[in-house]
Amino acid sequence: MNAIITVVGNDKVGIIAKVSAFLAERGINIEDISQTILSGNFVMMMMVNLSSSSKALEEVKKELADLGDTLNVSISLMHEKVFSAMHRV
């Protein structure tokens, strides 16, 4: 099962490392990643595969939000199908 993770907030050292380590610890593979800095704001999108995850989607979603709080960034996760439906033209 694929999902989309978005991370948005003030740029600082370690955001990618901490989010990647979080995912690796839970058996979540990063399939694709894009990140940029827009006017000092860090913006990252990841497509991840949760097929081998040790945790359920809703639990990962909550834990990512908590990680975002500790990093002072916003982290959200949504199922790929929901993301695609929301962004269909």
Protein backbone atom coordinates (compact mmCIF):
# COMPACT_ATOMS: atom_id res chain seq x y z
CA MET A 1 0.00 0.00 0.00
CA ASN A 2 1.37 3.39 -0.99
CA ALA A 3 0.86 6.66 0.85
CA ILE A 4 1.97 10.27 0.47
CA ILE A 5 3.83 12.08 3.24
CA THR A 6 4.19 15.86 3.19
CA VAL A 7 6.51 17.83 5.44
CA VAL A 8 6.33 21.63 5.60
CA GLY A 9 8.01 24.08 7.96
CA ASN A 10 11.01 26.27 8.64
CA ASP A 11 14.19 24.78 7.22
CA LYS A 12 16.70 23.35 9.67
CA VAL A 13 19.32 20.63 9.84
CA GLY A 14 18.12 17.05 10.31
CA ILE A 15 14.54 17.03 9.04
CA ILE A 16 15.14 14.51 6.25
CA ALA A 17 17.38 12.37 8.49
CA LYS A 18 14.82 12.18 11.30
CA VAL A 19 11.84 11.48 9.05
CA SER A 20 13.80 8.85 7.11
CA ALA A 21 15.00 7.16 10.31
CA PHE A 22 11.42 7.13 11.64
CA LEU A 23 10.22 5.39 8.49
CA ALA A 24 13.08 2.88 8.43
CA GLU A 25 12.42 1.90 12.07
CA ARG A 26 8.87 0.96 11.08
CA GLY A 27 9.75 -0.94 7.89
CA ILE A 28 8.33 1.77 5.62
CA ASN A 29 10.16 2.11 2.31
CA ILE A 30 10.59 5.47 0.56
CA GLU A 31 9.61 4.91 -3.10
CA ASP A 32 10.08 8.51 -4.29
CA ILE A 33 11.07 11.78 -2.67
CA SER A 34 11.15 15.44 -3.65
CA GLN A 35 12.22 18.34 -1.47
CA THR A 36 12.90 22.01 -1.93
CA ILE A 37 13.28 25.24 0.00
CA LEU A 38 10.71 27.94 -0.83
CA SER A 39 11.42 31.34 0.73
CA GLY A 40 13.09 29.70 3.72
CA ASN A 41 10.37 27.06 4.11
CA PHE A 42 11.28 23.40 3.83
CA VAL A 43 8.84 21.46 1.65
CA MET A 44 9.11 17.69 1.10
CA MET A 45 6.83 15.10 -0.48
CA MET A 46 7.47 11.38 -0.26
CA MET A 47 5.70 8.40 -1.73
CA VAL A 48 6.14 5.53 0.69
CA ASN A 49 5.22 1.86 0.68
CA LEU A 50 3.65 0.64 3.91
CA SER A 51 3.31 -3.01 2.85
CA SER A 52 6.05 -4.13 5.25
CA SER A 53 5.20 -1.65 8.00
CA SER A 54 5.11 -2.90 11.55
CA LYS A 55 2.26 -0.44 12.29
CA ALA A 56 -1.17 0.41 10.89
CA LEU A 57 -1.67 3.51 8.71
CA GLU A 58 -3.59 5.48 11.36
CA GLU A 59 -0.94 4.77 13.99
CA VAL A 60 1.86 5.87 11.64
CA LYS A 61 -0.15 9.00 10.80
CA LYS A 62 -0.43 9.93 14.50
CA GLU A 63 3.24 9.19 15.21
CA LEU A 64 4.32 11.29 12.21
CA ALA A 65 2.21 14.21 13.46
CA ASP A 66 3.89 13.85 16.87
CA LEU A 67 7.33 13.77 15.20
CA GLY A 68 6.37 16.93 13.31
CA ASP A 69 5.56 18.61 16.62
CA THR A 70 9.02 17.78 17.97
CA LEU A 71 10.67 19.08 14.78
CA ASN A 72 8.39 22.13 14.67
CA VAL A 73 7.13 21.20 11.18
CA SER A 74 3.81 19.91 9.85
CA ILE A 75 3.89 16.26 8.75
CA SER A 76 0.85 14.63 7.18
CA LEU A 77 0.21 11.22 5.69
CA MET A 78 -2.60 10.12 3.42
CA HIS A 79 -3.35 7.05 1.36
CA GLU A 80 -2.21 7.45 -2.26
CA LYS A 81 -5.77 6.97 -3.57
CA VAL A 82 -7.09 9.78 -1.36
CA PHE A 83 -4.23 12.06 -2.44
CA SER A 84 -4.85 11.27 -6.13
CA ALA A 85 -8.59 11.90 -5.82
CA MET A 86 -7.97 15.25 -4.12
CA HIS A 87 -5.58 16.41 -6.85
CA ARG A 88 -7.43 15.16 -9.92
CA VAL A 89 -8.06 17.89 -12.47
